[in-house]
Each structure stands twice: as structure tokens, then as C-alpha cells.
Amino acid sequence: MTVYILFAFAGMRQLVSPALLGVITVLTMLFDIAFPAGMYGLWMATNSAIQIDAVFIIAILTVM
């Protein structure tokens, strides 16, 4: 993804570095995955009836 952004936004080098855009994109994707997974983990810690199932895994993969 970072390599694609490097080439796709090469014309914007005067405004912002494409490498910076690529790194920010990857960090944002990691946050978008870590936050719901962390909240789900906290919810599982408070309620033992909650388990990770296929729907949760599909949702995380969809966000990715």
C-alpha cells in the first residue's frame, strides 16, 4: 500500500512527501483494526459469554 501511494501521489511532492502519506495510511489502518479489536477484547473480559466468532473475524478483515 505504501509503495502504491509513493507512485500515485508522486505529483504532490511539493506539498507533502508521498512516503509520509504512505506511512500515515498504514498507521491509520492499524489503528482502525486495533481499536475495535481492543474494545471487543475488553468486552470479552467483562462478559465471559462473548467469544470471537466468524462474524468478528470477517468484520476485522473487511476493515483491513
PDB file of N, CA and C in Angstrom:
ATOM      1  N   MET A   1       0.824  -1.174   0.000  1.00  0.00           N
ATOM      2  CA  MET A   1       0.000   0.000   0.000  1.00  0.00           C
ATOM      3  C   MET A   1       0.880   1.253   0.000  1.00  0.00           C
ATOM      4  N   THR A   2       1.933   1.218   0.790  1.00  0.00           N
ATOM      5  CA  THR A   2       2.827   2.369   0.860  1.00  0.00           C
ATOM      6  C   THR A   2       3.519   2.614  -0.477  1.00  0.00           C
ATOM      7  N   VAL A   3       3.920   1.551  -1.155  1.00  0.00           N
ATOM      8  CA  VAL A   3       4.575   1.697  -2.459  1.00  0.00           C
ATOM      9  C   VAL A   3       3.605   2.281  -3.477  1.00  0.00           C
ATOM     10  N   TYR A   4       2.354   1.836  -3.445  1.00  0.00           N
ATOM     11  CA  TYR A   4       1.349   2.397  -4.359  1.00  0.00           C
ATOM     12  C   TYR A   4       1.178   3.887  -4.106  1.00  0.00           C
ATOM     13  N   ILE A   5       1.084   4.286  -2.856  1.00  0.00           N
ATOM     14  CA  ILE A   5       0.894   5.700  -2.524  1.00  0.00           C
ATOM     15  C   ILE A   5       2.108   6.520  -2.959  1.00  0.00           C
ATOM     16  N   LEU A   6       3.306   5.932  -2.840  1.00  0.00           N
ATOM     17  CA  LEU A   6       4.504   6.639  -3.293  1.00  0.00           C
ATOM     18  C   LEU A   6       4.399   7.020  -4.764  1.00  0.00           C
ATOM     19  N   PHE A   7       3.887   6.099  -5.594  1.00  0.00           N
ATOM     20  CA  PHE A   7       3.777   6.380  -7.019  1.00  0.00           C
ATOM     21  C   PHE A   7       2.522   7.177  -7.360  1.00  0.00           C
ATOM     22  N   ALA A   8       1.425   6.901  -6.696  1.00  0.00           N
ATOM     23  CA  ALA A   8       0.165   7.564  -7.028  1.00  0.00           C
ATOM     24  C   ALA A   8       0.201   9.055  -6.700  1.00  0.00           C
ATOM     25  N   PHE A   9       0.879   9.425  -5.625  1.00  0.00           N
ATOM     26  CA  PHE A   9       0.913  10.823  -5.202  1.00  0.00           C
ATOM     27  C   PHE A   9       2.281  11.458  -5.438  1.00  0.00           C
ATOM     28  N   ALA A  10       3.005  10.959  -6.422  1.00  0.00           N
ATOM     29  CA  ALA A  10       4.333  11.500  -6.723  1.00  0.00           C
ATOM     30  C   ALA A  10       4.257  12.948  -7.203  1.00  0.00           C
ATOM     31  N   GLY A  11       3.152  13.338  -7.791  1.00  0.00           N
ATOM     32  CA  GLY A  11       2.993  14.711  -8.264  1.00  0.00           C
ATOM     33  C   GLY A  11       2.788  15.724  -7.153  1.00  0.00           C
ATOM     34  N   MET A  12       2.535  15.261  -5.960  1.00  0.00           N
ATOM     35  CA  MET A  12       2.288  16.170  -4.821  1.00  0.00           C
ATOM     36  C   MET A  12       3.540  16.375  -3.975  1.00  0.00           C
ATOM     37  N   ARG A  13       4.693  16.072  -4.506  1.00  0.00           N
ATOM     38  CA  ARG A  13       5.936  16.157  -3.733  1.00  0.00           C
ATOM     39  C   ARG A  13       6.185  17.551  -3.167  1.00  0.00           C
ATOM     40  N   GLN A  14       5.678  18.585  -3.804  1.00  0.00           N
ATOM     41  CA  GLN A  14       5.904  19.946  -3.320  1.00  0.00           C
ATOM     42  C   GLN A  14       5.094  20.217  -2.049  1.00  0.00           C
ATOM     43  N   LEU A  15       3.927  19.602  -1.939  1.00  0.00           N
ATOM     44  CA  LEU A  15       3.057  19.866  -0.798  1.00  0.00           C
ATOM     45  C   LEU A  15       3.373  18.977   0.396  1.00  0.00           C
ATOM     46  N   VAL A  16       3.474  17.663   0.159  1.00  0.00           N
ATOM     47  CA  VAL A  16       3.721  16.708   1.242  1.00  0.00           C
ATOM     48  C   VAL A  16       4.426  15.484   0.648  1.00  0.00           C
ATOM     49  N   SER A  17       5.250  14.868   1.444  1.00  0.00           N
ATOM     50  CA  SER A  17       6.008  13.705   0.975  1.00  0.00           C
ATOM     51  C   SER A  17       5.081  12.504   0.774  1.00  0.00           C
ATOM     52  N   PRO A  18       5.139  11.836  -0.366  1.00  0.00           N
ATOM     53  CA  PRO A  18       4.334  10.627  -0.567  1.00  0.00           C
ATOM     54  C   PRO A  18       4.699   9.520   0.418  1.00  0.00           C
ATOM     55  N   ALA A  19       5.961   9.462   0.844  1.00  0.00           N
ATOM     56  CA  ALA A  19       6.362   8.458   1.837  1.00  0.00           C
ATOM     57  C   ALA A  19       5.629   8.708   3.156  1.00  0.00           C
ATOM     58  N   LEU A  20       5.493   9.965   3.530  1.00  0.00           N
ATOM     59  CA  LEU A  20       4.763  10.294   4.750  1.00  0.00           C
ATOM     60  C   LEU A  20       3.297   9.895   4.628  1.00  0.00           C
ATOM     61  N   LEU A  21       2.702  10.129   3.462  1.00  0.00           N
ATOM     62  CA  LEU A  21       1.311   9.722   3.247  1.00  0.00           C
ATOM     63  C   LEU A  21       1.166   8.207   3.356  1.00  0.00           C
ATOM     64  N   GLY A  22       2.116   7.461   2.826  1.00  0.00           N
ATOM     65  CA  GLY A  22       2.065   6.001   2.895  1.00  0.00           C
ATOM     66  C   GLY A  22       2.169   5.498   4.324  1.00  0.00           C
ATOM     67  N   VAL A  23       3.080   6.066   5.095  1.00  0.00           N
ATOM     68  CA  VAL A  23       3.238   5.653   6.494  1.00  0.00           C
ATOM     69  C   VAL A  23       1.993   5.997   7.296  1.00  0.00           C
ATOM     70  N   ILE A  24       1.441   7.166   7.075  1.00  0.00           N
ATOM     71  CA  ILE A  24       0.218   7.568   7.791  1.00  0.00           C
ATOM     72  C   ILE A  24      -0.935   6.640   7.430  1.00  0.00           C
ATOM     73  N   THR A  25      -1.029   6.231   6.171  1.00  0.00           N
ATOM     74  CA  THR A  25      -2.094   5.316   5.747  1.00  0.00           C
ATOM     75  C   THR A  25      -1.988   3.973   6.460  1.00  0.00           C
ATOM     76  N   VAL A  26      -0.788   3.430   6.543  1.00  0.00           N
ATOM     77  CA  VAL A  26      -0.602   2.140   7.214  1.00  0.00           C
ATOM     78  C   VAL A  26      -0.892   2.265   8.705  1.00  0.00           C
ATOM     79  N   LEU A  27      -0.438   3.334   9.337  1.00  0.00           N
ATOM     80  CA  LEU A  27      -0.710   3.534  10.765  1.00  0.00           C
ATOM     81  C   LEU A  27      -2.211   3.699  11.029  1.00  0.00           C
ATOM     82  N   THR A  28      -2.893   4.394  10.142  1.00  0.00           N
ATOM     83  CA  THR A  28      -4.334   4.557  10.290  1.00  0.00           C
ATOM     84  C   THR A  28      -5.052   3.224  10.166  1.00  0.00           C
ATOM     85  N   MET A  29      -4.614   2.390   9.223  1.00  0.00           N
ATOM     86  CA  MET A  29      -5.231   1.074   9.065  1.00  0.00           C
ATOM     87  C   MET A  29      -5.017   0.225  10.324  1.00  0.00           C
ATOM     88  N   LEU A  30      -3.810   0.279  10.878  1.00  0.00           N
ATOM     89  CA  LEU A  30      -3.544  -0.477  12.107  1.00  0.00           C
ATOM     90  C   LEU A  30      -4.417   0.007  13.259  1.00  0.00           C
ATOM     91  N   PHE A  31      -4.600   1.333  13.373  1.00  0.00           N
ATOM     92  CA  PHE A  31      -5.463   1.865  14.418  1.00  0.00           C
ATOM     93  C   PHE A  31      -6.909   1.442  14.185  1.00  0.00           C
ATOM     94  N   ASP A  32      -7.349   1.458  12.915  1.00  0.00           N
ATOM     95  CA  ASP A  32      -8.728   1.065  12.603  1.00  0.00           C
ATOM     96  C   ASP A  32      -8.997  -0.390  12.938  1.00  0.00           C
ATOM     97  N   ILE A  33      -7.963  -1.207  12.978  1.00  0.00           N
ATOM     98  CA  ILE A  33      -8.117  -2.609  13.353  1.00  0.00           C
ATOM     99  C   ILE A  33      -7.939  -2.796  14.854  1.00  0.00           C
ATOM    100  N   ALA A  34      -6.951  -2.114  15.428  1.00  0.00           N
ATOM    101  CA  ALA A  34      -6.621  -2.303  16.847  1.00  0.00           C
ATOM    102  C   ALA A  34      -7.714  -1.773  17.768  1.00  0.00           C
ATOM    103  N   PHE A  35      -8.348  -0.671  17.414  1.00  0.00           N
ATOM    104  CA  PHE A  35      -9.357  -0.094  18.308  1.00  0.00           C
ATOM    105  C   PHE A  35     -10.573  -1.005  18.479  1.00  0.00           C
ATOM    106  N   PRO A  36     -11.236  -1.467  17.393  1.00  0.00           N
ATOM    107  CA  PRO A  36     -12.378  -2.361  17.602  1.00  0.00           C
ATOM    108  C   PRO A  36     -11.980  -3.697  18.225  1.00  0.00           C
ATOM    109  N   ALA A  37     -10.809  -4.211  17.849  1.00  0.00           N
ATOM    110  CA  ALA A  37     -10.362  -5.474  18.439  1.00  0.00           C
ATOM    111  C   ALA A  37     -10.101  -5.302  19.936  1.00  0.00           C
ATOM    112  N   GLY A  38      -9.522  -4.183  20.322  1.00  0.00           N
ATOM    113  CA  GLY A  38      -9.283  -3.904  21.740  1.00  0.00           C
ATOM    114  C   GLY A  38     -10.578  -3.728  22.514  1.00  0.00           C
ATOM    115  N   MET A  39     -11.522  -3.009  21.937  1.00  0.00           N
ATOM    116  CA  MET A  39     -12.815  -2.824  22.609  1.00  0.00           C
ATOM    117  C   MET A  39     -13.543  -4.162  22.748  1.00  0.00           C
ATOM    118  N   TYR A  40     -13.463  -4.971  21.724  1.00  0.00           N
ATOM    119  CA  TYR A  40     -14.083  -6.297  21.778  1.00  0.00           C
ATOM    120  C   TYR A  40     -13.404  -7.155  22.840  1.00  0.00           C
ATOM    121  N   GLY A  41     -12.075  -7.025  22.944  1.00  0.00           N
ATOM    122  CA  GLY A  41     -11.337  -7.751  23.975  1.00  0.00           C
ATOM    123  C   GLY A  41     -11.744  -7.321  25.378  1.00  0.00           C
ATOM    124  N   LEU A  42     -11.923  -6.023  25.578  1.00  0.00           N
ATOM    125  CA  LEU A  42     -12.387  -5.542  26.884  1.00  0.00           C
ATOM    126  C   LEU A  42     -13.798  -6.035  27.177  1.00  0.00           C
ATOM    127  N   TRP A  43     -14.630  -6.060  26.156  1.00  0.00           N
ATOM    128  CA  TRP A  43     -15.989  -6.551  26.326  1.00  0.00           C
ATOM    129  C   TRP A  43     -15.970  -8.032  26.679  1.00  0.00           C
ATOM    130  N   MET A  44     -15.066  -8.799  26.052  1.00  0.00           N
ATOM    131  CA  MET A  44     -14.937 -10.225  26.371  1.00  0.00           C
ATOM    132  C   MET A  44     -14.432 -10.424  27.793  1.00  0.00           C
ATOM    133  N   ALA A  45     -13.586  -9.511  28.284  1.00  0.00           N
ATOM    134  CA  ALA A  45     -13.046  -9.626  29.635  1.00  0.00           C
ATOM    135  C   ALA A  45     -14.129  -9.402  30.684  1.00  0.00           C
ATOM    136  N   THR A  46     -15.116  -8.579  30.369  1.00  0.00           N
ATOM    137  CA  THR A  46     -16.177  -8.302  31.339  1.00  0.00           C
ATOM    138  C   THR A  46     -17.346  -9.273  31.237  1.00  0.00           C
ATOM    139  N   ASN A  47     -17.498  -9.932  30.095  1.00  0.00           N
ATOM    140  CA  ASN A  47     -18.620 -10.840  29.892  1.00  0.00           C
ATOM    141  C   ASN A  47     -18.074 -12.141  29.305  1.00  0.00           C
ATOM    142  N   SER A  48     -18.054 -13.187  30.091  1.00  0.00           N
ATOM    143  CA  SER A  48     -17.451 -14.442  29.644  1.00  0.00           C
ATOM    144  C   SER A  48     -18.277 -15.165  28.576  1.00  0.00           C
ATOM    145  N   ALA A  49     -19.504 -14.737  28.336  1.00  0.00           N
ATOM    146  CA  ALA A  49     -20.333 -15.378  27.315  1.00  0.00           C
ATOM    147  C   ALA A  49     -19.967 -14.918  25.906  1.00  0.00           C
ATOM    148  N   ILE A  50     -19.225 -13.822  25.793  1.00  0.00           N
ATOM    149  CA  ILE A  50     -18.840 -13.280  24.490  1.00  0.00           C
ATOM    150  C   ILE A  50     -17.597 -14.014  23.991  1.00  0.00           C
ATOM    151  N   GLN A  51     -17.630 -14.448  22.740  1.00  0.00           N
ATOM    152  CA  GLN A  51     -16.495 -15.141  22.138  1.00  0.00           C
ATOM    153  C   GLN A  51     -16.233 -14.589  20.743  1.00  0.00           C
ATOM    154  N   ILE A  52     -15.018 -14.746  20.301  1.00  0.00           N
ATOM    155  CA  ILE A  52     -14.680 -14.353  18.933  1.00  0.00           C
ATOM    156  C   ILE A  52     -15.248 -15.401  17.985  1.00  0.00           C
ATOM    157  N   ASP A  53     -16.014 -14.943  17.011  1.00  0.00           N
ATOM    158  CA  ASP A  53     -16.611 -15.859  16.052  1.00  0.00           C
ATOM    159  C   ASP A  53     -16.269 -15.412  14.640  1.00  0.00           C
ATOM    160  N   ALA A  54     -16.838 -16.094  13.682  1.00  0.00           N
ATOM    161  CA  ALA A  54     -16.535 -15.808  12.282  1.00  0.00           C
ATOM    162  C   ALA A  54     -16.989 -14.410  11.877  1.00  0.00           C
ATOM    163  N   VAL A  55     -18.080 -13.925  12.445  1.00  0.00           N
ATOM    164  CA  VAL A  55     -18.585 -12.593  12.093  1.00  0.00           C
ATOM    165  C   VAL A  55     -17.583 -11.518  12.511  1.00  0.00           C
ATOM    166  N   PHE A  56     -16.994 -11.671  13.696  1.00  0.00           N
ATOM    167  CA  PHE A  56     -15.989 -10.704  14.153  1.00  0.00           C
ATOM    168  C   PHE A  56     -14.762 -10.722  13.245  1.00  0.00           C
ATOM    169  N   ILE A  57     -14.300 -11.899  12.878  1.00  0.00           N
ATOM    170  CA  ILE A  57     -13.126 -12.006  12.025  1.00  0.00           C
ATOM    171  C   ILE A  57     -13.409 -11.418  10.642  1.00  0.00           C
ATOM    172  N   ILE A  58     -14.605 -11.654  10.119  1.00  0.00           N
ATOM    173  CA  ILE A  58     -14.990 -11.084   8.826  1.00  0.00           C
ATOM    174  C   ILE A  58     -15.041  -9.571   8.913  1.00  0.00           C
ATOM    175  N   ALA A  59     -15.551  -9.031  10.010  1.00  0.00           N
ATOM    176  CA  ALA A  59     -15.615  -7.581  10.183  1.00  0.00           C
ATOM    177  C   ALA A  59     -14.219  -6.965  10.225  1.00  0.00           C
ATOM    178  N   ILE A  60     -13.299  -7.588  10.949  1.00  0.00           N
ATOM    179  CA  ILE A  60     -11.931  -7.069  11.015  1.00  0.00           C
ATOM    180  C   ILE A  60     -11.259  -7.132   9.643  1.00  0.00           C
ATOM    181  N   LEU A  61     -11.453  -8.229   8.929  1.00  0.00           N
ATOM    182  CA  LEU A  61     -10.870  -8.348   7.588  1.00  0.00           C
ATOM    183  C   LEU A  61     -11.490  -7.350   6.617  1.00  0.00           C
ATOM    184  N   THR A  62     -12.773  -7.036   6.788  1.00  0.00           N
ATOM    185  CA  THR A  62     -13.429  -6.036   5.950  1.00  0.00           C
ATOM    186  C   THR A  62     -12.827  -4.663   6.182  1.00  0.00           C
ATOM    187  N   VAL A  63     -12.556  -4.334   7.434  1.00  0.00           N
ATOM    188  CA  VAL A  63     -11.931  -3.044   7.742  1.00  0.00           C
ATOM    189  C   VAL A  63     -10.539  -2.973   7.142  1.00  0.00           C
ATOM    190  N   MET A  64      -9.846  -4.096   7.165  1.00  0.00           N
ATOM    191  CA  MET A  64      -8.500  -4.128   6.588  1.00  0.00           C
ATOM    192  C   MET A  64      -8.574  -3.947   5.096  1.00  0.00           C
TER     193      MET A  64
END
